[in-house]
PDB file of all heavy atoms in Angstrom:
ATOM      1  N   ILE A   1     107.674  95.667 111.493  1.00  0.00           N
ATOM      2  CA  ILE A   1     108.132  95.934 112.859  1.00  0.00           C
ATOM      3  C   ILE A   1     109.326  95.028 113.180  1.00  0.00           C
ATOM      4  O   ILE A   1     110.321  95.470 113.761  1.00  0.00           O
ATOM      5  CB  ILE A   1     106.984  95.726 113.863  1.00  0.00           C
ATOM      6  CG1 ILE A   1     105.926  96.822 113.678  1.00  0.00           C
ATOM      7  CG2 ILE A   1     107.502  95.716 115.294  1.00  0.00           C
ATOM      8  CD1 ILE A   1     104.627  96.568 114.423  1.00  0.00           C
ATOM      9  N   ALA A   2     109.225  93.763 112.786  1.00  0.00           N
ATOM     10  CA  ALA A   2     110.348  92.841 113.007  1.00  0.00           C
ATOM     11  C   ALA A   2     111.592  93.326 112.273  1.00  0.00           C
ATOM     12  O   ALA A   2     112.690  93.335 112.831  1.00  0.00           O
ATOM     13  CB  ALA A   2     109.968  91.435 112.533  1.00  0.00           C
ATOM     14  N   GLN A   3     111.408  93.768 111.039  1.00  0.00           N
ATOM     15  CA  GLN A   3     112.545  94.233 110.252  1.00  0.00           C
ATOM     16  C   GLN A   3     113.194  95.452 110.886  1.00  0.00           C
ATOM     17  O   GLN A   3     114.421  95.606 110.869  1.00  0.00           O
ATOM     18  CB  GLN A   3     112.094  94.547 108.823  1.00  0.00           C
ATOM     19  CG  GLN A   3     113.236  94.771 107.841  1.00  0.00           C
ATOM     20  CD  GLN A   3     114.182  93.585 107.754  1.00  0.00           C
ATOM     21  OE1 GLN A   3     113.755  92.427 107.749  1.00  0.00           O
ATOM     22  NE2 GLN A   3     115.485  93.861 107.731  1.00  0.00           N
ATOM     23  N   SER A   4     112.372  96.330 111.462  1.00  0.00           N
ATOM     24  CA  SER A   4     112.899  97.575 112.051  1.00  0.00           C
ATOM     25  C   SER A   4     113.810  97.300 113.243  1.00  0.00           C
ATOM     26  O   SER A   4     114.669  98.125 113.571  1.00  0.00           O
ATOM     27  CB  SER A   4     111.740  98.480 112.493  1.00  0.00           C
ATOM     28  OG  SER A   4     111.105  97.982 113.667  1.00  0.00           O
ATOM     29  N   GLY A   5     113.619  96.149 113.907  1.00  0.00           N
ATOM     30  CA  GLY A   5     114.440  95.834 115.076  1.00  0.00           C
ATOM     31  C   GLY A   5     115.508  94.795 114.819  1.00  0.00           C
ATOM     32  O   GLY A   5     116.142  94.306 115.763  1.00  0.00           O
ATOM     33  N   THR A   6     115.723  94.449 113.547  1.00  0.00           N
ATOM     34  CA  THR A   6     116.640  93.359 113.214  1.00  0.00           C
ATOM     35  C   THR A   6     118.081  93.836 113.040  1.00  0.00           C
ATOM     36  O   THR A   6     118.347  94.794 112.311  1.00  0.00           O
ATOM     37  CB  THR A   6     116.190  92.661 111.913  1.00  0.00           C
ATOM     38  OG1 THR A   6     114.913  92.045 112.135  1.00  0.00           O
ATOM     39  CG2 THR A   6     117.186  91.589 111.494  1.00  0.00           C
ATOM     40  N   VAL A   7     118.985  93.162 113.744  1.00  0.00           N
ATOM     41  CA  VAL A   7     120.427  93.300 113.512  1.00  0.00           C
ATOM     42  C   VAL A   7     120.965  91.891 113.388  1.00  0.00           C
ATOM     43  O   VAL A   7     120.907  91.100 114.341  1.00  0.00           O
ATOM     44  CB  VAL A   7     121.127  94.053 114.662  1.00  0.00           C
ATOM     45  CG1 VAL A   7     122.623  94.101 114.398  1.00  0.00           C
ATOM     46  CG2 VAL A   7     120.559  95.457 114.817  1.00  0.00           C
ATOM     47  N   GLY A   8     121.466  91.542 112.215  1.00  0.00           N
ATOM     48  CA  GLY A   8     121.913  90.170 111.987  1.00  0.00           C
ATOM     49  C   GLY A   8     120.731  89.220 112.044  1.00  0.00           C
ATOM     50  O   GLY A   8     119.759  89.379 111.314  1.00  0.00           O
ATOM     51  N   GLN A   9     120.806  88.237 112.932  1.00  0.00           N
ATOM     52  CA  GLN A   9     119.716  87.262 113.095  1.00  0.00           C
ATOM     53  C   GLN A   9     118.924  87.488 114.377  1.00  0.00           C
ATOM     54  O   GLN A   9     118.160  86.623 114.802  1.00  0.00           O
ATOM     55  CB  GLN A   9     120.282  85.841 113.074  1.00  0.00           C
ATOM     56  CG  GLN A   9     120.735  85.383 111.698  1.00  0.00           C
ATOM     57  CD  GLN A   9     119.569  85.302 110.716  1.00  0.00           C
ATOM     58  OE1 GLN A   9     118.606  84.571 110.921  1.00  0.00           O
ATOM     59  NE2 GLN A   9     119.648  86.082 109.642  1.00  0.00           N
ATOM     60  N   THR A  10     119.097  88.686 114.975  1.00  0.00           N
ATOM     61  CA  THR A  10     118.403  89.000 116.222  1.00  0.00           C
ATOM     62  C   THR A  10     117.451  90.180 116.018  1.00  0.00           C
ATOM     63  O   THR A  10     117.815  91.183 115.408  1.00  0.00           O
ATOM     64  CB  THR A  10     119.405  89.353 117.338  1.00  0.00           C
ATOM     65  OG1 THR A  10     120.296  88.255 117.524  1.00  0.00           O
ATOM     66  CG2 THR A  10     118.689  89.636 118.651  1.00  0.00           C
ATOM     67  N   VAL A  11     116.241  90.019 116.531  1.00  0.00           N
ATOM     68  CA  VAL A  11     115.251  91.101 116.478  1.00  0.00           C
ATOM     69  C   VAL A  11     115.096  91.644 117.891  1.00  0.00           C
ATOM     70  O   VAL A  11     114.620  90.947 118.795  1.00  0.00           O
ATOM     71  CB  VAL A  11     113.887  90.589 115.961  1.00  0.00           C
ATOM     72  CG1 VAL A  11     112.906  91.746 115.846  1.00  0.00           C
ATOM     73  CG2 VAL A  11     114.046  89.890 114.621  1.00  0.00           C
ATOM     74  N   ARG A  12     115.529  92.872 118.102  1.00  0.00           N
ATOM     75  CA  ARG A  12     115.492  93.481 119.430  1.00  0.00           C
ATOM     76  C   ARG A  12     114.318  94.451 119.492  1.00  0.00           C
ATOM     77  O   ARG A  12     114.294  95.448 118.773  1.00  0.00           O
ATOM     78  CB  ARG A  12     116.817  94.191 119.718  1.00  0.00           C
ATOM     79  CG  ARG A  12     116.986  94.642 121.158  1.00  0.00           C
ATOM     80  CD  ARG A  12     118.413  95.025 121.470  1.00  0.00           C
ATOM     81  NE  ARG A  12     119.280  93.858 121.642  1.00  0.00           N
ATOM     82  CZ  ARG A  12     120.156  93.442 120.749  1.00  0.00           C
ATOM     83  NH1 ARG A  12     120.325  94.097 119.614  1.00  0.00           N
ATOM     84  NH2 ARG A  12     120.899  92.376 120.975  1.00  0.00           N
ATOM     85  N   LEU A  13     113.347  94.155 120.342  1.00  0.00           N
ATOM     86  CA  LEU A  13     112.131  94.952 120.414  1.00  0.00           C
ATOM     87  C   LEU A  13     111.728  95.196 121.857  1.00  0.00           C
ATOM     88  O   LEU A  13     112.058  94.426 122.765  1.00  0.00           O
ATOM     89  CB  LEU A  13     110.970  94.243 119.699  1.00  0.00           C
ATOM     90  CG  LEU A  13     111.072  94.101 118.173  1.00  0.00           C
ATOM     91  CD1 LEU A  13     109.982  93.172 117.674  1.00  0.00           C
ATOM     92  CD2 LEU A  13     110.974  95.457 117.498  1.00  0.00           C
ATOM     93  N   SER A  14     110.976  96.256 122.054  1.00  0.00           N
ATOM     94  CA  SER A  14     110.441  96.574 123.375  1.00  0.00           C
ATOM     95  C   SER A  14     109.447  95.498 123.824  1.00  0.00           C
ATOM     96  O   SER A  14     108.704  94.955 123.007  1.00  0.00           O
ATOM     97  CB  SER A  14     109.722  97.924 123.316  1.00  0.00           C
ATOM     98  OG  SER A  14     108.988  98.147 124.508  1.00  0.00           O
ATOM     99  N   PRO A  15     109.418  95.200 125.134  1.00  0.00           N
ATOM    100  CA  PRO A  15     108.405  94.285 125.660  1.00  0.00           C
ATOM    101  C   PRO A  15     107.109  94.999 126.039  1.00  0.00           C
ATOM    102  O   PRO A  15     106.243  94.415 126.713  1.00  0.00           O
ATOM    103  CB  PRO A  15     109.089  93.695 126.901  1.00  0.00           C
ATOM    104  CG  PRO A  15     109.961  94.816 127.387  1.00  0.00           C
ATOM    105  CD  PRO A  15     110.436  95.549 126.151  1.00  0.00           C
ATOM    106  N   ALA A  16     106.945  96.255 125.623  1.00  0.00           N
ATOM    107  CA  ALA A  16     105.736  97.009 125.944  1.00  0.00           C
ATOM    108  C   ALA A  16     104.506  96.349 125.318  1.00  0.00           C
ATOM    109  O   ALA A  16     104.602  95.661 124.295  1.00  0.00           O
ATOM    110  CB  ALA A  16     105.860  98.443 125.445  1.00  0.00           C
ATOM    111  N   TYR A  17     103.366  96.591 125.934  1.00  0.00           N
ATOM    112  CA  TYR A  17     102.122  96.012 125.412  1.00  0.00           C
ATOM    113  C   TYR A  17     101.709  96.665 124.099  1.00  0.00           C
ATOM    114  O   TYR A  17     101.864  97.870 123.897  1.00  0.00           O
ATOM    115  CB  TYR A  17     100.990  96.178 126.421  1.00  0.00           C
ATOM    116  CG  TYR A  17     100.997  95.145 127.516  1.00  0.00           C
ATOM    117  CD1 TYR A  17     101.176  95.519 128.850  1.00  0.00           C
ATOM    118  CD2 TYR A  17     100.817  93.785 127.227  1.00  0.00           C
ATOM    119  CE1 TYR A  17     101.185  94.569 129.865  1.00  0.00           C
ATOM    120  CE2 TYR A  17     100.830  92.834 128.235  1.00  0.00           C
ATOM    121  CZ  TYR A  17     101.010  93.233 129.549  1.00  0.00           C
ATOM    122  OH  TYR A  17     101.025  92.299 130.546  1.00  0.00           O
ATOM    123  N   VAL A  18     101.154  95.830 123.207  1.00  0.00           N
ATOM    124  CA  VAL A  18     100.483  96.294 121.999  1.00  0.00           C
ATOM    125  C   VAL A  18      99.116  95.614 121.959  1.00  0.00           C
ATOM    126  O   VAL A  18      98.865  94.651 122.680  1.00  0.00           O
ATOM    127  CB  VAL A  18     101.277  95.970 120.717  1.00  0.00           C
ATOM    128  CG1 VAL A  18     102.539  96.802 120.630  1.00  0.00           C
ATOM    129  CG2 VAL A  18     101.598  94.475 120.621  1.00  0.00           C
ATOM    130  N   GLN A  19      98.241  96.138 121.112  1.00  0.00           N
ATOM    131  CA  GLN A  19      96.881  95.595 120.995  1.00  0.00           C
ATOM    132  C   GLN A  19      96.518  95.573 119.508  1.00  0.00           C
ATOM    133  O   GLN A  19      95.652  96.315 119.054  1.00  0.00           O
ATOM    134  CB  GLN A  19      95.910  96.465 121.798  1.00  0.00           C
ATOM    135  CG  GLN A  19      94.570  95.824 122.078  1.00  0.00           C
ATOM    136  CD  GLN A  19      93.791  96.620 123.122  1.00  0.00           C
ATOM    137  OE1 GLN A  19      94.350  97.434 123.862  1.00  0.00           O
ATOM    138  NE2 GLN A  19      92.492  96.381 123.187  1.00  0.00           N
ATOM    139  N   PRO A  20      97.209  94.723 118.729  1.00  0.00           N
ATOM    140  CA  PRO A  20      97.135  94.826 117.273  1.00  0.00           C
ATOM    141  C   PRO A  20      95.747  94.513 116.719  1.00  0.00           C
ATOM    142  O   PRO A  20      95.015  93.686 117.268  1.00  0.00           O
ATOM    143  CB  PRO A  20      98.160  93.802 116.801  1.00  0.00           C
ATOM    144  CG  PRO A  20      98.216  92.790 117.903  1.00  0.00           C
ATOM    145  CD  PRO A  20      98.051  93.591 119.162  1.00  0.00           C
ATOM    146  N   ILE A  21      95.436  95.169 115.609  1.00  0.00           N
ATOM    147  CA  ILE A  21      94.129  95.033 114.968  1.00  0.00           C
ATOM    148  C   ILE A  21      94.323  94.624 113.511  1.00  0.00           C
ATOM    149  O   ILE A  21      95.249  95.092 112.846  1.00  0.00           O
ATOM    150  CB  ILE A  21      93.327  96.350 115.091  1.00  0.00           C
ATOM    151  CG1 ILE A  21      91.899  96.192 114.550  1.00  0.00           C
ATOM    152  CG2 ILE A  21      94.048  97.511 114.421  1.00  0.00           C
ATOM    153  CD1 ILE A  21      90.989  97.384 114.891  1.00  0.00           C
ATOM    154  N   ALA A  22      93.462  93.755 113.024  1.00  0.00           N
ATOM    155  CA  ALA A  22      93.529  93.306 111.635  1.00  0.00           C
ATOM    156  C   ALA A  22      92.968  94.387 110.719  1.00  0.00           C
ATOM    157  O   ALA A  22      92.022  95.101 111.072  1.00  0.00           O
ATOM    158  CB  ALA A  22      92.742  92.011 111.459  1.00  0.00           C
ATOM    159  N   SER A  23      93.517  94.485 109.521  1.00  0.00           N
ATOM    160  CA  SER A  23      93.074  95.523 108.577  1.00  0.00           C
ATOM    161  C   SER A  23      91.599  95.382 108.222  1.00  0.00           C
ATOM    162  O   SER A  23      90.923  96.384 107.964  1.00  0.00           O
ATOM    163  CB  SER A  23      93.927  95.488 107.309  1.00  0.00           C
ATOM    164  OG  SER A  23      93.796  94.242 106.649  1.00  0.00           O
ATOM    165  N   ASP A  24      91.063  94.158 108.222  1.00  0.00           N
ATOM    166  CA  ASP A  24      89.630  93.988 107.939  1.00  0.00           C
ATOM    167  C   ASP A  24      88.779  94.658 109.018  1.00  0.00           C
ATOM    168  O   ASP A  24      87.738  95.263 108.714  1.00  0.00           O
ATOM    169  CB  ASP A  24      89.276  92.500 107.837  1.00  0.00           C
ATOM    170  CG  ASP A  24      89.668  91.906 106.500  1.00  0.00           C
ATOM    171  OD1 ASP A  24      89.595  92.622 105.483  1.00  0.00           O
ATOM    172  OD2 ASP A  24      90.052  90.720 106.463  1.00  0.00           O
ATOM    173  N   ASP A  25      89.203  94.562 110.275  1.00  0.00           N
ATOM    174  CA  ASP A  25      88.473  95.236 111.355  1.00  0.00           C
ATOM    175  C   ASP A  25      88.599  96.754 111.241  1.00  0.00           C
ATOM    176  O   ASP A  25      87.653  97.488 111.534  1.00  0.00           O
ATOM    177  CB  ASP A  25      88.994  94.771 112.721  1.00  0.00           C
ATOM    178  CG  ASP A  25      88.447  93.411 113.133  1.00  0.00           C
ATOM    179  OD1 ASP A  25      87.356  93.034 112.650  1.00  0.00           O
ATOM    180  OD2 ASP A  25      89.106  92.730 113.943  1.00  0.00           O
ATOM    181  N   VAL A  26      89.777  97.237 110.817  1.00  0.00           N
ATOM    182  CA  VAL A  26      89.962  98.678 110.620  1.00  0.00           C
ATOM    183  C   VAL A  26      89.029  99.182 109.525  1.00  0.00           C
ATOM    184  O   VAL A  26      88.342 100.200 109.680  1.00  0.00           O
ATOM    185  CB  VAL A  26      91.430  99.007 110.261  1.00  0.00           C
ATOM    186  CG1 VAL A  26      91.590 100.506 110.000  1.00  0.00           C
ATOM    187  CG2 VAL A  26      92.372  98.566 111.365  1.00  0.00           C
ATOM    188  N   ALA A  27      88.975  98.457 108.406  1.00  0.00           N
ATOM    189  CA  ALA A  27      88.125  98.875 107.290  1.00  0.00           C
ATOM    190  C   ALA A  27      86.649  98.859 107.670  1.00  0.00           C
ATOM    191  O   ALA A  27      85.891  99.755 107.265  1.00  0.00           O
ATOM    192  CB  ALA A  27      88.372  97.966 106.089  1.00  0.00           C
ATOM    193  N   ASP A  28      86.231  97.868 108.450  1.00  0.00           N
ATOM    194  CA  ASP A  28      84.842  97.855 108.933  1.00  0.00           C
ATOM    195  C   ASP A  28      84.536  99.114 109.729  1.00  0.00           C
ATOM    196  O   ASP A  28      83.486  99.744 109.553  1.00  0.00           O
ATOM    197  CB  ASP A  28      84.602  96.624 109.821  1.00  0.00           C
ATOM    198  CG  ASP A  28      84.510  95.330 109.043  1.00  0.00           C
ATOM    199  OD1 ASP A  28      84.297  95.372 107.805  1.00  0.00           O
ATOM    200  OD2 ASP A  28      84.658  94.258 109.676  1.00  0.00           O
ATOM    201  N   ALA A  29      85.466  99.483 110.604  1.00  0.00           N
ATOM    202  CA  ALA A  29      85.270 100.672 111.433  1.00  0.00           C
ATOM    203  C   ALA A  29      85.245 101.945 110.596  1.00  0.00           C
ATOM    204  O   ALA A  29      84.401 102.826 110.807  1.00  0.00           O
ATOM    205  CB  ALA A  29      86.369 100.755 112.494  1.00  0.00           C
ATOM    206  N   MET A  30      86.171 102.052 109.636  1.00  0.00           N
ATOM    207  CA  MET A  30      86.225 103.265 108.808  1.00  0.00           C
ATOM    208  C   MET A  30      84.956 103.427 107.976  1.00  0.00           C
ATOM    209  O   MET A  30      84.444 104.543 107.801  1.00  0.00           O
ATOM    210  CB  MET A  30      87.455 103.234 107.903  1.00  0.00           C
ATOM    211  CG  MET A  30      88.790 103.213 108.633  1.00  0.00           C
ATOM    212  SD  MET A  30      88.984 104.443 109.945  1.00  0.00           S
ATOM    213  CE  MET A  30      88.962 105.964 108.976  1.00  0.00           C
ATOM    214  N   ALA A  31      84.425 102.333 107.456  1.00  0.00           N
ATOM    215  CA  ALA A  31      83.184 102.401 106.680  1.00  0.00           C
ATOM    216  C   ALA A  31      82.026 102.854 107.567  1.00  0.00           C
ATOM    217  O   ALA A  31      81.196 103.673 107.155  1.00  0.00           O
ATOM    218  CB  ALA A  31      82.883 101.049 106.047  1.00  0.00           C
ATOM    219  N   ASP A  32      81.967 102.338 108.791  1.00  0.00           N
ATOM    220  CA  ASP A  32      80.899 102.741 109.702  1.00  0.00           C
ATOM    221  C   ASP A  32      81.003 104.223 110.064  1.00  0.00           C
ATOM    222  O   ASP A  32      79.990 104.930 110.116  1.00  0.00           O
ATOM    223  CB  ASP A  32      80.938 101.896 110.981  1.00  0.00           C
ATOM    224  CG  ASP A  32      80.455 100.467 110.751  1.00  0.00           C
ATOM    225  OD1 ASP A  32      79.844 100.201 109.695  1.00  0.00           O
ATOM    226  OD2 ASP A  32      80.700  99.614 111.637  1.00  0.00           O
ATOM    227  N   VAL A  33      82.228 104.699 110.302  1.00  0.00           N
ATOM    228  CA  VAL A  33      82.424 106.107 110.637  1.00  0.00           C
ATOM    229  C   VAL A  33      82.016 106.995 109.465  1.00  0.00           C
ATOM    230  O   VAL A  33      81.412 108.058 109.646  1.00  0.00           O
ATOM    231  CB  VAL A  33      83.891 106.376 111.048  1.00  0.00           C
ATOM    232  CG1 VAL A  33      84.171 107.875 111.163  1.00  0.00           C
ATOM    233  CG2 VAL A  33      84.205 105.689 112.370  1.00  0.00           C
ATOM    234  N   ALA A  34      82.327 106.546 108.234  1.00  0.00           N
ATOM    235  CA  ALA A  34      81.986 107.328 107.036  1.00  0.00           C
ATOM    236  C   ALA A  34      80.489 107.533 106.906  1.00  0.00           C
ATOM    237  O   ALA A  34      80.037 108.537 106.331  1.00  0.00           O
ATOM    238  CB  ALA A  34      82.523 106.633 105.795  1.00  0.00           C
ATOM    239  N   LEU A  35      79.710 106.605 107.441  1.00  0.00           N
ATOM    240  CA  LEU A  35      78.255 106.684 107.320  1.00  0.00           C
ATOM    241  C   LEU A  35      77.596 107.197 108.597  1.00  0.00           C
ATOM    242  O   LEU A  35      76.369 107.144 108.731  1.00  0.00           O
ATOM    243  CB  LEU A  35      77.701 105.303 106.946  1.00  0.00           C
ATOM    244  CG  LEU A  35      78.286 104.703 105.656  1.00  0.00           C
ATOM    245  CD1 LEU A  35      77.692 103.335 105.379  1.00  0.00           C
ATOM    246  CD2 LEU A  35      78.060 105.634 104.467  1.00  0.00           C
ATOM    247  N   SER A  36      78.403 107.704 109.517  1.00  0.00           N
ATOM    248  CA  SER A  36      77.899 108.252 110.782  1.00  0.00           C
ATOM    249  C   SER A  36      78.094 109.764 110.807  1.00  0.00           C
ATOM    250  O   SER A  36      78.827 110.325 109.995  1.00  0.00           O
ATOM    251  CB  SER A  36      78.643 107.621 111.966  1.00  0.00           C
ATOM    252  OG  SER A  36      78.507 106.217 111.962  1.00  0.00           O
ATOM    253  N   ALA A  37      77.444 110.410 111.754  1.00  0.00           N
ATOM    254  CA  ALA A  37      77.606 111.855 111.923  1.00  0.00           C
ATOM    255  C   ALA A  37      79.008 112.157 112.440  1.00  0.00           C
ATOM    256  O   ALA A  37      79.608 111.333 113.146  1.00  0.00           O
ATOM    257  CB  ALA A  37      76.571 112.391 112.904  1.00  0.00           C
ATOM    258  N   PRO A  38      79.569 113.324 112.082  1.00  0.00           N
ATOM    259  CA  PRO A  38      80.896 113.686 112.602  1.00  0.00           C
ATOM    260  C   PRO A  38      80.909 113.696 114.127  1.00  0.00           C
ATOM    261  O   PRO A  38      79.974 114.194 114.763  1.00  0.00           O
ATOM    262  CB  PRO A  38      81.118 115.095 112.040  1.00  0.00           C
ATOM    263  CG  PRO A  38      80.198 115.205 110.868  1.00  0.00           C
ATOM    264  CD  PRO A  38      79.005 114.370 111.199  1.00  0.00           C
ATOM    265  N   ALA A  39      81.966 113.157 114.720  1.00  0.00           N
ATOM    266  CA  ALA A  39      82.102 113.159 116.174  1.00  0.00           C
ATOM    267  C   ALA A  39      82.692 114.471 116.669  1.00  0.00           C
ATOM    268  O   ALA A  39      82.531 114.841 117.830  1.00  0.00           O
ATOM    269  CB  ALA A  39      82.980 111.997 116.618  1.00  0.00           C
ATOM    270  N   ASN A  40      83.395 115.184 115.757  1.00  0.00           N
ATOM    271  CA  ASN A  40      84.171 116.369 116.155  1.00  0.00           C
ATOM    272  C   ASN A  40      85.052 116.038 117.361  1.00  0.00           C
ATOM    273  O   ASN A  40      85.178 116.813 118.305  1.00  0.00           O
ATOM    274  CB  ASN A  40      83.259 117.564 116.438  1.00  0.00           C
ATOM    275  CG  ASN A  40      82.613 118.071 115.158  1.00  0.00           C
ATOM    276  OD1 ASN A  40      83.284 118.254 114.144  1.00  0.00           O
ATOM    277  ND2 ASN A  40      81.311 118.259 115.187  1.00  0.00           N
ATOM    278  N   ALA A  41      85.642 114.867 117.270  1.00  0.00           N
ATOM    279  CA  ALA A  41      86.478 114.350 118.359  1.00  0.00           C
ATOM    280  C   ALA A  41      87.284 113.179 117.814  1.00  0.00           C
ATOM    281  O   ALA A  41      87.146 112.792 116.657  1.00  0.00           O
ATOM    282  CB  ALA A  41      85.604 113.889 119.524  1.00  0.00           C
ATOM    283  N   MET A  42      88.109 112.627 118.692  1.00  0.00           N
ATOM    284  CA  MET A  42      88.894 111.453 118.357  1.00  0.00           C
ATOM    285  C   MET A  42      88.219 110.221 118.943  1.00  0.00           C
ATOM    286  O   MET A  42      87.766 110.247 120.095  1.00  0.00           O
ATOM    287  CB  MET A  42      90.310 111.614 118.910  1.00  0.00           C
ATOM    288  CG  MET A  42      91.249 110.474 118.566  1.00  0.00           C
ATOM    289  SD  MET A  42      91.280 109.243 119.884  1.00  0.00           S
ATOM    290  CE  MET A  42      92.134 110.163 121.158  1.00  0.00           C
TER     291      MET A  42
END
C-alpha cells in the first residue's frame, strides 16, 4: 500500500479509516468457516 502511493520520497495516501487484520486471524477465520455449515451469505 505504501509503495502504491509513493512518488519520490513521499507517500501520498487517503486519510480514510481502515481496520487492518493480521493474516493469522484471517486463517483462523477461514478454517472455522470451512468446518461450519454454508451461510449462503456474506
